[in-house]
Protein backbone atom coordinates (compact mmCIF):
# COMPACT_ATOMS: atom_id res chain seq x y z
CA MET A 1 -17.50 -11.80 -18.64
CA THR A 2 -15.69 -15.26 -17.89
CA GLY A 3 -13.21 -14.78 -15.21
CA PRO A 4 -9.65 -16.14 -15.90
CA LEU A 5 -10.30 -18.66 -13.32
CA GLY A 6 -12.77 -20.60 -15.04
CA GLY A 7 -14.69 -23.11 -13.03
CA PHE A 8 -12.41 -22.57 -10.02
CA LYS A 9 -14.28 -23.26 -6.55
CA MET A 10 -13.54 -20.96 -4.14
CA PRO A 11 -13.07 -23.22 -0.54
CA SER A 12 -16.02 -22.73 1.94
CA THR A 13 -13.70 -21.82 4.82
CA TYR A 14 -14.07 -18.18 5.31
CA ASN A 15 -10.99 -16.44 4.09
CA ARG A 16 -9.93 -12.75 5.14
CA ASP A 17 -8.34 -12.81 1.49
CA LYS A 18 -12.02 -14.09 -0.49
CA VAL A 19 -13.22 -10.28 -1.12
CA GLU A 20 -10.08 -9.14 -2.35
CA GLU A 21 -9.06 -12.37 -4.10
CA ILE A 22 -12.37 -11.98 -6.29
CA LYS A 23 -11.99 -8.33 -6.81
CA SER A 24 -8.38 -8.95 -8.46
CA LEU A 25 -9.57 -11.08 -10.96
CA LEU A 26 -12.25 -8.22 -12.34
CA ASP A 27 -11.49 -5.09 -14.78
CA ILE A 28 -13.55 -2.14 -13.34
CA VAL A 29 -13.24 -1.04 -17.15
CA ASP A 30 -15.49 -4.27 -17.98
CA VAL A 31 -17.45 -4.19 -15.35
CA ILE A 32 -18.78 -0.80 -15.92
CA GLY A 33 -18.38 -1.09 -19.96
CA ARG A 34 -21.88 -4.02 -18.86
CA ASP A 35 -23.62 -1.53 -18.24
CA ILE A 36 -22.55 2.23 -19.16
CA ASP A 37 -20.86 2.95 -22.63
CA LEU A 38 -17.33 4.05 -21.61
CA HIS A 39 -14.68 5.25 -23.66
CA HIS A 40 -11.07 6.18 -23.46
CA ILE A 41 -9.97 9.77 -22.80
CA GLY A 42 -6.55 9.52 -22.11
CA GLY A 43 -3.66 7.87 -19.81
CA ASP A 44 -5.64 5.53 -17.34
CA GLU A 45 -8.85 7.08 -17.71
CA TYR A 46 -12.20 6.51 -19.12
CA ALA A 47 -15.93 8.35 -19.10
CA GLY A 48 -19.21 7.88 -19.73
CA THR A 49 -22.61 8.95 -18.47
CA VAL A 50 -24.95 7.61 -15.95
CA GLY A 51 -28.48 8.48 -17.05
CA GLU A 52 -29.33 11.14 -19.46
CA ALA A 53 -25.90 13.61 -20.20
CA GLY A 54 -26.32 16.65 -17.99
CA SER A 55 -25.30 20.33 -19.32
CA SER A 56 -21.70 19.72 -18.51
CA GLY A 57 -21.57 16.04 -20.42
CA GLU A 58 -19.79 13.11 -19.15
CA SER A 59 -19.79 12.99 -15.67
CA LEU A 60 -18.77 9.29 -15.20
CA LYS A 61 -15.08 8.89 -14.73
CA VAL A 62 -13.29 5.50 -14.10
CA ASN A 63 -9.27 4.90 -13.13
CA GLN A 64 -8.21 1.57 -14.90
CA VAL A 65 -4.79 1.84 -12.59
CA GLN A 66 -6.72 2.82 -9.95
CA GLN A 67 -9.08 0.34 -10.20
CA THR A 68 -11.98 3.57 -8.77
CA TRP A 69 -14.69 5.21 -10.46
CA TYR A 70 -16.95 8.31 -9.86
CA ASP A 71 -20.02 9.56 -10.87
CA PHE A 72 -19.46 14.35 -10.47
CA LYS A 73 -23.66 14.15 -11.52
CA ASN A 74 -24.58 12.18 -8.71
CA LYS A 75 -21.74 11.97 -6.43
CA GLN A 76 -21.45 8.86 -5.61
CA GLY A 77 -17.89 6.44 -6.05
CA GLY A 78 -15.89 3.98 -4.85
CA ASP A 79 -14.88 0.54 -6.46
CA VAL A 80 -16.44 -2.47 -8.57
CA TYR A 81 -18.02 -3.85 -5.62
CA ASP A 82 -19.55 0.32 -4.96
CA TRP A 83 -20.33 -0.05 -8.91
CA ILE A 84 -22.17 -3.48 -8.13
CA GLY A 85 -24.12 -2.40 -5.42
CA ASN A 86 -24.81 1.23 -7.01
CA ILE A 87 -26.64 -0.86 -10.32
CA ASN A 88 -28.26 -3.08 -8.06
CA GLY A 89 -29.85 -1.22 -5.92
CA LEU A 90 -27.39 -2.73 -2.82
CA ASP A 91 -25.94 -1.71 -0.22
CA ALA A 92 -22.25 -2.57 -1.09
CA ARG A 93 -20.68 -1.75 2.60
CA GLY A 94 -23.79 -2.66 4.37
CA ALA A 95 -25.97 -5.86 5.16
CA ASP A 96 -26.06 -6.51 0.94
CA PHE A 97 -22.65 -6.62 0.99
CA PRO A 98 -22.67 -10.86 0.54
CA LYS A 99 -24.97 -10.33 -2.33
CA VAL A 100 -22.71 -7.78 -3.66
CA LEU A 101 -19.79 -10.22 -3.19
CA LYS A 102 -21.68 -13.06 -4.78
CA ILE A 103 -22.70 -10.59 -8.35
CA ALA A 104 -18.94 -10.01 -8.23
CA ALA A 105 -17.67 -13.83 -7.75
CA ASP A 106 -20.47 -14.63 -10.51
CA LEU A 107 -18.68 -11.75 -13.17
CA ALA A 108 -15.00 -13.18 -11.83
CA GLY A 109 -16.42 -16.94 -12.99
CA VAL A 110 -15.60 -17.79 -9.40
CA GLU A 111 -18.08 -20.52 -8.15
CA LEU A 112 -18.88 -18.83 -4.56
CA GLU A 113 -20.15 -21.50 -2.45
CA GLU A 114 -22.48 -20.24 0.49
CA MET A 115 -21.09 -18.62 3.16
CA THR A 116 -22.30 -19.32 6.54
CA GLU A 117 -23.50 -16.41 8.74
CA GLN A 118 -20.34 -16.20 10.97
CA GLU A 119 -18.67 -15.78 7.42
CA ARG A 120 -21.00 -12.95 6.00
CA ASP A 121 -21.18 -11.04 9.79
CA ALA A 122 -17.60 -11.21 9.27
CA ALA A 123 -17.43 -10.11 5.26
CA LYS A 124 -19.96 -7.15 6.30
CA GLU A 125 -17.74 -5.88 9.69
CA LYS A 126 -14.79 -5.86 7.41
CA ALA A 127 -16.20 -3.56 4.96
CA ASP A 128 -18.35 -1.87 7.41
CA ILE A 129 -14.41 -0.80 9.14
CA HIS A 130 -12.93 0.00 5.87
CA ASN A 131 -15.87 2.17 5.03
CA ILE A 132 -15.16 4.36 8.70
CA TYR A 133 -11.45 4.13 7.96
CA THR A 134 -13.01 5.99 4.76
CA GLU A 135 -14.58 8.49 6.52
CA THR A 136 -11.43 9.06 9.09
CA ALA A 137 -9.50 9.83 6.11
CA GLU A 138 -11.56 12.58 5.15
CA ILE A 139 -11.79 14.32 8.60
CA TYR A 140 -7.85 14.15 8.67
CA HIS A 141 -7.88 15.26 5.73
CA LYS A 142 -10.33 18.53 6.61
CA ASN A 143 -8.07 19.37 9.36
CA LEU A 144 -4.98 20.16 7.54
CA THR A 145 -3.96 24.43 7.49
CA PRO A 146 -2.03 26.14 5.11
CA GLU A 147 0.92 25.75 7.81
CA LEU A 148 0.56 21.88 7.55
CA TYR A 149 0.30 22.07 4.22
CA ASP A 150 3.59 23.79 4.04
CA TYR A 151 4.89 21.68 6.74
CA ILE A 152 4.67 18.51 4.82
CA GLU A 153 5.74 20.50 1.85
CA ASN A 154 9.05 21.64 3.48
CA LYS A 155 9.68 18.45 5.47
CA TRP A 156 9.20 15.60 2.36
CA GLY A 157 8.65 17.73 -1.13
CA ILE A 158 5.24 16.40 -1.07
CA THR A 159 3.18 18.68 -2.67
CA ARG A 160 -0.35 20.07 -2.27
CA GLU A 161 -1.82 18.58 -5.19
CA THR A 162 -0.11 14.84 -4.13
CA VAL A 163 -1.44 15.31 -0.63
CA ASP A 164 -5.16 15.95 -1.79
CA LYS A 165 -5.25 13.04 -3.88
CA LEU A 166 -3.48 10.57 -1.25
CA LYS A 167 -5.82 12.30 1.16
CA ILE A 168 -3.15 12.66 3.67
CA GLY A 169 -4.46 14.16 7.03
CA TYR A 170 -3.51 15.54 10.09
CA ALA A 171 -5.47 14.36 13.99
CA THR A 172 -5.70 16.66 16.36
CA THR A 173 -5.89 16.16 20.04
CA GLY A 174 -9.52 17.64 20.44
CA GLY A 175 -11.17 14.61 19.29
CA ASP A 176 -12.07 14.20 15.75
CA LEU A 177 -14.04 10.97 15.21
CA THR A 178 -17.10 11.98 18.10
CA ASP A 179 -19.68 11.65 15.10
CA LEU A 180 -18.47 8.44 13.65
CA ASP A 181 -20.58 4.66 14.45
CA ILE A 182 -20.19 3.66 17.78
CA THR A 183 -20.39 0.37 17.47
CA THR A 184 -17.74 -0.26 14.12
CA LEU A 185 -15.33 2.63 16.06
CA LYS A 186 -15.02 0.53 18.76
CA LYS A 187 -13.72 -2.00 16.37
CA SER A 188 -11.67 -0.36 14.25
CA GLY A 189 -8.51 0.09 16.57
CA LEU A 190 -8.80 4.08 16.02
CA VAL A 191 -9.87 4.72 19.58
CA TYR A 192 -8.78 3.05 23.10
CA VAL A 193 -11.53 1.48 24.46
CA ASN A 194 -12.13 0.83 28.64
CA ASN A 195 -14.90 -1.58 29.92
CA GLY A 196 -16.86 -0.42 26.72
CA ILE A 197 -16.23 3.08 26.92
CA ILE A 198 -13.84 4.87 24.49
CA GLY A 199 -11.33 6.88 25.54
CA GLY A 200 -8.38 8.44 23.74
CA GLU A 201 -8.13 8.63 19.74
CA VAL A 202 -5.04 6.46 18.60
CA PHE A 203 -3.56 9.25 16.20
CA GLU A 204 -3.68 12.04 18.35
CA GLY A 205 -1.56 14.93 16.69
CA ARG A 206 -0.05 13.52 14.23
CA ILE A 207 0.19 13.33 10.17
CA ILE A 208 -1.90 10.97 9.07
CA PHE A 209 -1.08 8.42 5.87
CA PRO A 210 -4.00 6.10 4.68
CA TYR A 211 -3.64 3.50 2.57
CA LEU A 212 -5.52 3.51 -0.36
CA LYS A 213 -6.44 0.23 -2.24
CA ASN A 214 -9.05 0.22 -4.98
CA GLY A 215 -10.15 3.15 -3.45
CA LYS A 216 -10.75 2.96 -0.35
CA VAL A 217 -9.15 3.38 2.61
CA VAL A 218 -7.85 0.03 4.49
CA TYR A 219 -5.19 1.20 6.66
CA LEU A 220 -3.78 4.39 8.45
CA ILE A 221 -0.25 5.48 10.24
CA GLY A 222 0.62 8.07 12.17
CA ARG A 223 3.85 10.73 11.89
CA GLU A 224 4.50 12.46 14.77
CA THR A 225 5.15 16.04 15.44
CA GLY A 226 5.58 18.20 18.17
CA GLU A 227 1.87 18.24 19.13
CA THR A 228 1.64 14.36 19.40
CA PRO A 229 1.50 13.80 23.12
CA GLU A 230 4.72 13.48 25.71
CA ALA A 231 4.64 10.55 26.57
CA GLU A 232 5.00 8.75 22.96
CA ARG A 233 7.72 11.32 21.85
CA LYS A 234 9.55 9.77 24.93
CA LYS A 235 8.98 6.47 23.91
CA ARG A 236 10.45 7.44 20.51
CA MET A 237 7.42 6.36 18.34
CA LYS A 238 7.94 8.37 15.45
CA TYR A 239 5.33 6.16 13.59
CA LYS A 240 2.70 4.68 15.10
CA LYS A 241 -0.07 2.24 13.70
CA LEU A 242 -3.61 1.24 13.85
CA LEU A 243 -4.54 -1.13 17.33
CA VAL A 244 -5.47 -4.69 16.44
CA HIS A 245 -6.49 -7.56 18.31
CA LYS A 246 -4.68 -9.01 20.68
CA GLU A 247 -4.44 -9.16 24.28
CA GLY A 248 -5.58 -6.54 26.27
CA HIS A 249 -6.87 -5.24 22.89
CA GLU A 250 -10.18 -7.70 22.28
CA TYR A 251 -12.56 -5.18 21.29
CA VAL A 252 -10.36 -4.78 18.00
CA SER A 253 -12.26 -6.62 15.43
CA PRO A 254 -10.20 -9.56 14.00
CA GLU A 255 -10.64 -8.06 10.61
CA VAL A 256 -8.64 -5.07 11.30
CA GLN A 257 -4.83 -6.66 9.62
CA ASN A 258 -1.54 -4.78 9.48
CA SER A 259 -0.97 -6.69 6.27
CA TYR A 260 -0.64 -4.03 3.56
CA PHE A 261 1.86 -2.00 1.72
CA TYR A 262 1.97 1.79 1.09
CA GLY A 263 1.77 1.94 -2.71
CA GLU A 264 -0.54 -1.35 -4.03
CA ASP A 265 -2.31 0.15 -6.24
CA SER A 266 0.55 2.01 -8.21
CA LEU A 267 2.20 -1.81 -9.21
CA ARG A 268 -1.14 -2.75 -11.75
CA GLY A 269 0.08 -2.22 -15.26
CA ALA A 270 3.72 -1.55 -14.32
CA GLU A 271 6.53 -3.58 -15.73
CA TYR A 272 8.80 -2.79 -12.62
CA CYS A 273 8.53 -1.42 -9.13
CA ILE A 274 10.60 0.32 -6.73
CA ILE A 275 10.48 -1.01 -3.28
CA THR A 276 11.40 1.69 -0.54
CA GLU A 277 11.64 2.04 3.07
CA GLY A 278 9.38 4.70 4.52
CA VAL A 279 5.82 6.08 3.71
CA ALA A 280 7.10 9.84 2.72
CA ASP A 281 10.04 8.18 0.15
CA CYS A 282 6.75 5.92 -1.03
CA ILE A 283 4.82 8.86 -1.60
CA VAL A 284 7.40 10.99 -3.41
CA MET A 285 8.28 7.85 -5.73
CA LEU A 286 4.63 7.95 -6.75
CA GLN A 287 4.34 11.86 -6.99
CA ALA A 288 7.46 11.51 -9.41
CA GLY A 289 5.57 8.72 -11.80
CA PHE A 290 7.37 5.97 -10.18
CA PRO A 291 5.10 3.08 -9.40
CA CYS A 292 6.44 1.76 -6.13
CA ILE A 293 5.37 0.07 -2.49
CA SER A 294 6.79 0.51 0.81
CA PRO A 295 6.22 -1.65 4.20
CA VAL A 296 7.51 1.41 6.00
CA THR A 297 10.06 0.23 7.50
CA VAL A 298 13.65 -1.13 7.02
CA GLN A 299 12.18 -4.80 5.21
CA PHE A 300 9.28 -6.99 5.40
CA ARG A 301 8.10 -9.00 7.73
CA GLU A 302 8.47 -12.78 7.23
CA LYS A 303 4.84 -13.49 7.20
CA ASP A 304 4.60 -10.86 4.08
CA HIS A 305 7.08 -12.43 1.90
CA PRO A 306 4.25 -14.66 0.55
CA LYS A 307 2.25 -11.61 -0.73
CA LEU A 308 5.44 -9.55 -1.95
CA ILE A 309 6.12 -12.51 -4.11
CA ASN A 310 3.05 -12.72 -5.17
CA LEU A 311 3.14 -9.05 -6.03
CA THR A 312 6.30 -8.57 -8.16
CA LYS A 313 6.56 -11.93 -9.38
CA ARG A 314 5.01 -10.56 -13.05
CA LEU A 315 7.23 -7.77 -12.97
CA LYS A 316 10.25 -7.56 -15.30
CA ARG A 317 12.51 -5.93 -12.71
CA VAL A 318 12.33 -4.68 -8.55
CA TYR A 319 14.75 -1.94 -7.92
CA ILE A 320 15.06 -1.47 -3.98
CA CYS A 321 16.58 1.95 -2.65
CA ASN A 322 16.31 1.86 1.38
CA ASP A 323 18.11 4.65 3.24
CA ASN A 324 21.91 5.28 3.15
CA GLU A 325 22.50 5.96 6.66
CA THR A 326 26.13 5.55 8.13
CA ASN A 327 24.83 2.60 10.67
CA LYS A 328 23.68 0.34 7.22
CA ALA A 329 19.96 -0.80 8.78
CA GLY A 330 18.83 0.57 5.00
CA LEU A 331 21.39 -1.68 3.37
CA LYS A 332 20.81 -4.69 5.42
CA GLY A 333 17.12 -4.70 4.87
CA ALA A 334 17.44 -3.95 1.56
CA LEU A 335 19.81 -7.15 0.95
CA ASN A 336 17.60 -9.41 3.09
CA THR A 337 14.48 -8.52 0.13
CA ALA A 338 16.80 -8.66 -2.24
CA GLU A 339 18.08 -12.08 -1.22
CA GLY A 340 14.58 -13.21 -0.76
CA LEU A 341 12.97 -11.55 -4.07
CA GLU A 342 16.10 -13.75 -6.10
CA GLY A 343 15.55 -16.89 -4.40
CA ALA A 344 12.19 -16.25 -6.14
CA GLY A 345 13.25 -16.59 -9.22
CA ILE A 346 12.48 -12.24 -9.48
CA GLU A 347 15.05 -10.08 -11.01
CA VAL A 348 16.39 -7.70 -8.29
CA ARG A 349 18.65 -4.29 -8.32
CA LEU A 350 19.84 -2.21 -5.38
CA ILE A 351 19.88 1.72 -5.88
CA GLU A 352 22.55 3.62 -3.72
CA LEU A 353 21.52 7.04 -2.78
CA PRO A 354 24.59 9.08 -3.37
CA LYS A 355 25.44 10.56 0.42
CA PRO A 356 27.12 14.15 0.69
CA GLU A 357 29.94 14.11 2.40
CA GLY A 358 29.78 15.09 6.49
CA VAL A 359 26.10 13.81 6.04
CA ASP A 360 24.83 10.57 8.14
CA LYS A 361 21.78 9.68 6.22
CA ILE A 362 19.90 10.22 3.32
CA ASP A 363 16.68 9.18 1.91
CA ILE A 364 14.38 9.40 -1.38
CA ALA A 365 11.99 12.25 -0.08
CA ASP A 366 15.46 14.14 0.91
CA TYR A 367 17.43 13.14 -2.52
CA MET A 368 14.57 14.12 -4.43
CA LYS A 369 14.23 17.76 -3.14
CA GLY A 370 17.08 18.84 -5.00
CA HIS A 371 16.73 16.14 -7.91
CA SER A 372 14.25 15.37 -10.89
CA PRO A 373 12.99 12.08 -12.11
CA LYS A 374 15.37 11.99 -14.72
CA ASP A 375 18.20 11.53 -12.31
CA PHE A 376 16.61 9.16 -10.37
CA LYS A 377 16.18 7.01 -13.94
CA GLU A 378 20.29 7.14 -14.35
CA LEU A 379 20.28 6.04 -10.29
CA MET A 380 18.37 2.72 -11.87
CA GLY A 381 20.45 2.65 -15.12
CA SER A 382 23.48 2.57 -12.76
CA SER A 383 21.80 -0.15 -10.21
CA VAL A 384 23.39 -3.21 -9.38
CA SER A 385 22.30 -6.85 -9.07
CA LEU A 386 22.40 -8.48 -5.93
CA TRP A 387 25.71 -11.04 -6.70
CA THR A 388 27.41 -8.24 -7.92
CA TYR A 389 27.08 -6.30 -5.15
CA LYS A 390 28.33 -9.02 -2.93
CA LEU A 391 31.19 -9.61 -5.10
CA ASN A 392 31.89 -6.25 -5.07
CA GLN A 393 32.55 -6.23 -1.19
CA GLN A 394 34.90 -8.74 -1.56
CA VAL A 395 37.92 -8.16 -0.33
CA ILE A 396 40.68 -9.92 -2.71
CA PRO A 397 44.60 -8.55 -1.81
CA ALA A 398 46.03 -6.71 -4.89
CA SER A 399 48.98 -9.06 -4.15
CA ALA A 400 46.44 -11.89 -4.93
CA THR A 401 47.69 -14.18 -7.80
CA SER A 402 45.20 -15.62 -10.03
CA LEU A 403 44.89 -18.54 -8.74
CA ASP A 404 43.76 -17.30 -5.58
CA ARG A 405 41.30 -15.08 -7.26
CA HIS A 406 40.04 -18.21 -9.08
CA ARG A 407 40.00 -19.98 -5.63
CA ASP A 408 38.17 -17.15 -3.65
CA PHE A 409 35.73 -16.59 -6.20
CA LYS A 410 35.18 -20.14 -6.14
CA THR A 411 34.33 -19.85 -2.49
CA PHE A 412 32.35 -16.97 -2.54
CA ILE A 413 29.97 -18.82 -5.32
CA SER A 414 30.07 -22.04 -3.30
CA ASN A 415 28.59 -19.90 0.10
CA GLU A 416 26.63 -17.83 -1.78
CA LEU A 417 24.20 -20.87 -3.35
CA LYS A 418 24.57 -22.34 0.51
CA GLY A 419 23.15 -19.50 1.33
CA MET A 420 20.38 -19.27 -1.29
CA GLU A 421 19.64 -22.85 0.06
CA GLN A 422 19.00 -21.73 3.83
CA ALA A 423 17.00 -18.72 2.83
CA GLU A 424 13.92 -18.55 4.97
CA TRP A 425 11.84 -17.42 1.76
């Protein structure tokens, strides 16, 4: 299998994105198809059999959009690295990961220089941490009770099927992670560590939303509930993220990065995408069949702009639909994101959710409770470009002459061009 970059040579300096970069050059259907006969069974799904077919028929299922596989007969699965490890008898999530990475690089047509011992250790540590996140998500997911399923559906309109698919869970206040590998757990950002001893768990009393990428959990955030410790509720910590490596948290691995967007996998093969503000809003869009990503805040951080541009530059159009609220915070964030993307040559359209009279705020999750995907597509159809939106905000007196209107329009265009030149993106 020849990679699209041909003889591109990876730099010897370790880059945390190296693993993801090589993976992005591979299509899991092509990779598995080298070892197993696969055929298309509809949608994004392919099927085949590992070993001899059993009474249940084809037990291997491969999802091309999610870039994941699962062998129901042997109860194994994962991403393309897991497949390479499995088929070659290597531990893809342990000490053999550098060998797996080398095989993957060869398949992608990428020349991978020999990794130093430090680089190999860092790559293994990142794989170990993502593995423990995946285990953690399973533990939290199993904590869900019928009451919590109902709570999630009533609050956000997220169905039980979606909850199970995305491994949404709940962190109790009693300690859930005691059986995980202690060494990796201390580095994971999931727990507090004092003088080398594990203290409390970060997400106590919270609804947990795992970030899935290529079938593995790469990040988690927790949403406040009535069981969240009172001190955090007093600080209005509605959402809480993993700890990262910084002063006071030196025990957390540098490989723990808050560099993922929720819903990244949904953009694979898409022609457009929705960008929205909250994680629940993003999930509701995914549930309705829309490709969608979210920074899980009103706008993307400046350091995330290059990644956002890289993810969306091949799309025909990007729609931004933040919360419609009285204080205009969502709108300001949407305009900032739109300006950056437009400056990179990406077509952007703004969607404004209809806000009922007497309501201070409405988000996508609220809107979709009473509307269908068809209704949202109509909103997409009535969306406006950034320039049209800004021009509509210009206040030109009804008594203005044609010359006055022409002059105001020229001033608007001139100011917009200057703004684009000065944009940080």
